[in-house]
C-alpha cells in the first residue's frame, strides 16, 4: 500500500483524507503505515456540517482543498461513500478488495480497481 500511495503522490495527485471518524485516528494509522507525510491534509466530518454521504461533507472537503468538487476523486472501499460522492459531483474510484458485486442501486463508480496498486494507472 505504501508504494501505491507514493506512486499517486509522485504522479501529482494531491492526497487528502475525509473520514467519518477522527482525524487523529487517521493520523495514527497513516503514520504507522509510514505514509503520513504523503498526505496534504487529514479531514474529518467532525469539522463538516454533516457526516458522509451527505453532500455538504464533500463540499467541505472541496472548500478545505480550495478546489471544485468536479476536480476531486473520492477513493473508497464503501459503495455508500462512492454513491454519496458521485451525487455530490465528484469523480469516484472504488477499491473492490474482495471482488464483490457493486450494488446496482448506488451510483456507479468512474473507476474500479482491486487494489490501490492499480489506482494510479487507472486514473491516467
C-alpha atoms as a PDB file:
ATOM      1  CA  UNK A   1       0.000   0.000   0.000  1.00  0.00           C
ATOM      2  CA  UNK A   2       2.797   2.445   0.838  1.00  0.00           C
ATOM      3  CA  UNK A   3       4.286   2.181  -2.661  1.00  0.00           C
ATOM      4  CA  UNK A   4       0.860   2.755  -4.231  1.00  0.00           C
ATOM      5  CA  UNK A   5       0.297   5.880  -2.149  1.00  0.00           C
ATOM      6  CA  UNK A   6       3.746   7.201  -3.001  1.00  0.00           C
ATOM      7  CA  UNK A   7       3.082   6.479  -6.684  1.00  0.00           C
ATOM      8  CA  UNK A   8      -0.113   8.526  -6.589  1.00  0.00           C
ATOM      9  CA  UNK A   9       1.686  11.425  -4.932  1.00  0.00           C
ATOM     10  CA  UNK A  10       4.624  11.202  -7.371  1.00  0.00           C
ATOM     11  CA  UNK A  11       2.140  11.348 -10.265  1.00  0.00           C
ATOM     12  CA  UNK A  12       0.979  14.725  -8.974  1.00  0.00           C
ATOM     13  CA  UNK A  13      -2.187  13.738  -7.138  1.00  0.00           C
ATOM     14  CA  UNK A  14      -2.990  15.699  -4.001  1.00  0.00           C
ATOM     15  CA  UNK A  15      -3.799  13.211  -1.249  1.00  0.00           C
ATOM     16  CA  UNK A  16      -6.322  14.184   1.414  1.00  0.00           C
ATOM     17  CA  UNK A  17      -8.412  12.080   3.772  1.00  0.00           C
ATOM     18  CA  UNK A  18     -12.083  12.656   4.535  1.00  0.00           C
ATOM     19  CA  UNK A  19     -13.195  10.345   7.294  1.00  0.00           C
ATOM     20  CA  UNK A  20     -16.358   9.886   9.288  1.00  0.00           C
ATOM     21  CA  UNK A  21     -14.020   9.058  12.135  1.00  0.00           C
ATOM     22  CA  UNK A  22     -11.468  11.137  13.944  1.00  0.00           C
ATOM     23  CA  UNK A  23      -8.624  12.798  12.044  1.00  0.00           C
ATOM     24  CA  UNK A  24      -6.387  11.768  14.949  1.00  0.00           C
ATOM     25  CA  UNK A  25      -7.185   8.093  14.310  1.00  0.00           C
ATOM     26  CA  UNK A  26      -6.430   8.541  10.601  1.00  0.00           C
ATOM     27  CA  UNK A  27      -3.166  10.250  11.532  1.00  0.00           C
ATOM     28  CA  UNK A  28      -2.114   7.331  13.735  1.00  0.00           C
ATOM     29  CA  UNK A  29      -2.991   4.749  11.074  1.00  0.00           C
ATOM     30  CA  UNK A  30      -1.191   6.593   8.285  1.00  0.00           C
ATOM     31  CA  UNK A  31       1.821   7.230  10.497  1.00  0.00           C
ATOM     32  CA  UNK A  32       2.026   3.541  11.452  1.00  0.00           C
ATOM     33  CA  UNK A  33       1.922   2.676   7.731  1.00  0.00           C
ATOM     34  CA  UNK A  34       4.772   5.114   7.063  1.00  0.00           C
ATOM     35  CA  UNK A  35       2.749   7.267   4.662  1.00  0.00           C
ATOM     36  CA  UNK A  36       1.513  10.151   6.790  1.00  0.00           C
ATOM     37  CA  UNK A  37       3.879  12.563   5.034  1.00  0.00           C
ATOM     38  CA  UNK A  38       2.302  11.771   1.659  1.00  0.00           C
ATOM     39  CA  UNK A  39      -0.989  13.381   2.717  1.00  0.00           C
ATOM     40  CA  UNK A  40      -1.600  17.098   2.385  1.00  0.00           C
ATOM     41  CA  UNK A  41      -4.497  17.201   4.840  1.00  0.00           C
ATOM     42  CA  UNK A  42      -6.404  14.879   7.123  1.00  0.00           C
ATOM     43  CA  UNK A  43     -10.022  15.989   7.107  1.00  0.00           C
ATOM     44  CA  UNK A  44     -12.792  14.659   9.289  1.00  0.00           C
ATOM     45  CA  UNK A  45     -16.525  15.198   9.199  1.00  0.00           C
ATOM     46  CA  UNK A  46     -16.113  16.322  12.807  1.00  0.00           C
ATOM     47  CA  UNK A  47     -15.466  19.729  11.217  1.00  0.00           C
ATOM     48  CA  UNK A  48     -18.002  19.387   8.380  1.00  0.00           C
ATOM     49  CA  UNK A  49     -21.700  20.270   8.542  1.00  0.00           C
ATOM     50  CA  UNK A  50     -22.755  16.606   8.171  1.00  0.00           C
ATOM     51  CA  UNK A  51     -21.377  13.078   8.017  1.00  0.00           C
ATOM     52  CA  UNK A  52     -20.719  11.378   4.709  1.00  0.00           C
ATOM     53  CA  UNK A  53     -22.526  10.612   2.477  1.00  0.00           C
ATOM     54  CA  UNK A  54     -24.322  13.953   2.885  1.00  0.00           C
ATOM     55  CA  UNK A  55     -23.322  16.310   0.019  1.00  0.00           C
ATOM     56  CA  UNK A  56     -22.182  19.003   2.452  1.00  0.00           C
ATOM     57  CA  UNK A  57     -19.343  16.802   3.721  1.00  0.00           C
ATOM     58  CA  UNK A  58     -17.833  16.589   0.228  1.00  0.00           C
ATOM     59  CA  UNK A  59     -18.375  20.336  -0.269  1.00  0.00           C
ATOM     60  CA  UNK A  60     -16.500  20.879   3.000  1.00  0.00           C
ATOM     61  CA  UNK A  61     -13.558  18.860   1.634  1.00  0.00           C
ATOM     62  CA  UNK A  62     -13.547  20.797  -1.643  1.00  0.00           C
ATOM     63  CA  UNK A  63     -13.532  24.091   0.219  1.00  0.00           C
ATOM     64  CA  UNK A  64     -10.710  22.933   2.506  1.00  0.00           C
ATOM     65  CA  UNK A  65      -8.710  21.922  -0.585  1.00  0.00           C
ATOM     66  CA  UNK A  66      -9.555  25.160  -2.415  1.00  0.00           C
ATOM     67  CA  UNK A  67     -10.817  23.247  -5.426  1.00  0.00           C
ATOM     68  CA  UNK A  68     -14.073  22.377  -7.144  1.00  0.00           C
ATOM     69  CA  UNK A  69     -15.855  19.128  -6.398  1.00  0.00           C
ATOM     70  CA  UNK A  70     -15.711  18.083 -10.057  1.00  0.00           C
ATOM     71  CA  UNK A  71     -11.895  18.233  -9.844  1.00  0.00           C
ATOM     72  CA  UNK A  72     -11.774  15.752  -6.973  1.00  0.00           C
ATOM     73  CA  UNK A  73     -11.724  11.952  -6.962  1.00  0.00           C
ATOM     74  CA  UNK A  74     -13.039  10.142  -3.935  1.00  0.00           C
ATOM     75  CA  UNK A  75     -11.325   6.780  -3.451  1.00  0.00           C
ATOM     76  CA  UNK A  76     -13.181   4.391  -1.161  1.00  0.00           C
ATOM     77  CA  UNK A  77     -13.936   0.776  -0.392  1.00  0.00           C
ATOM     78  CA  UNK A  78     -17.504   1.576   0.664  1.00  0.00           C
ATOM     79  CA  UNK A  79     -20.153   1.765  -2.095  1.00  0.00           C
ATOM     80  CA  UNK A  80     -22.259   4.150   0.019  1.00  0.00           C
ATOM     81  CA  UNK A  81     -19.349   6.606   0.045  1.00  0.00           C
ATOM     82  CA  UNK A  82     -18.887   6.258  -3.720  1.00  0.00           C
ATOM     83  CA  UNK A  83     -22.599   6.894  -4.186  1.00  0.00           C
ATOM     84  CA  UNK A  84     -22.611   9.981  -1.963  1.00  0.00           C
ATOM     85  CA  UNK A  85     -19.549  11.471  -3.628  1.00  0.00           C
ATOM     86  CA  UNK A  86     -20.900  10.815  -7.118  1.00  0.00           C
ATOM     87  CA  UNK A  87     -24.183  12.507  -6.229  1.00  0.00           C
ATOM     88  CA  UNK A  88     -22.159  15.484  -4.928  1.00  0.00           C
ATOM     89  CA  UNK A  89     -20.365  15.833  -8.285  1.00  0.00           C
ATOM     90  CA  UNK A  90     -17.032  14.150  -7.506  1.00  0.00           C
ATOM     91  CA  UNK A  91     -15.350  11.550  -9.673  1.00  0.00           C
ATOM     92  CA  UNK A  92     -15.080   8.241  -7.856  1.00  0.00           C
ATOM     93  CA  UNK A  93     -12.794   5.232  -7.639  1.00  0.00           C
ATOM     94  CA  UNK A  94     -13.991   2.075  -5.913  1.00  0.00           C
ATOM     95  CA  UNK A  95     -11.343  -0.204  -4.451  1.00  0.00           C
ATOM     96  CA  UNK A  96     -13.089  -3.570  -4.676  1.00  0.00           C
ATOM     97  CA  UNK A  97     -10.756  -5.589  -2.463  1.00  0.00           C
ATOM     98  CA  UNK A  98     -12.848  -8.748  -2.326  1.00  0.00           C
ATOM     99  CA  UNK A  99     -14.361  -8.962  -5.808  1.00  0.00           C
ATOM    100  CA  UNK A 100     -17.907  -8.239  -4.615  1.00  0.00           C
ATOM    101  CA  UNK A 101     -20.618  -7.090  -6.975  1.00  0.00           C
ATOM    102  CA  UNK A 102     -21.243  -3.354  -6.821  1.00  0.00           C
ATOM    103  CA  UNK A 103     -24.794  -2.601  -5.594  1.00  0.00           C
ATOM    104  CA  UNK A 104     -26.938  -1.614  -8.578  1.00  0.00           C
ATOM    105  CA  UNK A 105     -28.996   0.822  -6.525  1.00  0.00           C
ATOM    106  CA  UNK A 106     -25.965   3.102  -5.967  1.00  0.00           C
ATOM    107  CA  UNK A 107     -24.399   5.498  -8.476  1.00  0.00           C
ATOM    108  CA  UNK A 108     -21.678   3.590 -10.329  1.00  0.00           C
ATOM    109  CA  UNK A 109     -18.027   4.436  -9.713  1.00  0.00           C
ATOM    110  CA  UNK A 110     -15.992   6.023 -12.504  1.00  0.00           C
ATOM    111  CA  UNK A 111     -13.060   3.693 -11.857  1.00  0.00           C
ATOM    112  CA  UNK A 112     -12.931   0.216 -10.301  1.00  0.00           C
ATOM    113  CA  UNK A 113      -9.678  -1.327  -9.098  1.00  0.00           C
ATOM    114  CA  UNK A 114      -8.962  -4.326  -6.914  1.00  0.00           C
ATOM    115  CA  UNK A 115      -6.148  -2.618  -5.006  1.00  0.00           C
ATOM    116  CA  UNK A 116      -4.505   0.764  -4.535  1.00  0.00           C
ATOM    117  CA  UNK A 117      -1.586  -0.522  -6.580  1.00  0.00           C
ATOM    118  CA  UNK A 118      -3.803  -0.299  -9.700  1.00  0.00           C
ATOM    119  CA  UNK A 119      -5.188   3.152  -8.979  1.00  0.00           C
ATOM    120  CA  UNK A 120      -2.520   5.452 -10.405  1.00  0.00           C
ATOM    121  CA  UNK A 121      -2.654   3.746 -13.824  1.00  0.00           C
ATOM    122  CA  UNK A 122      -6.448   3.711 -13.779  1.00  0.00           C
ATOM    123  CA  UNK A 123      -6.605   7.448 -13.132  1.00  0.00           C
ATOM    124  CA  UNK A 124      -4.319   8.319 -16.060  1.00  0.00           C
END
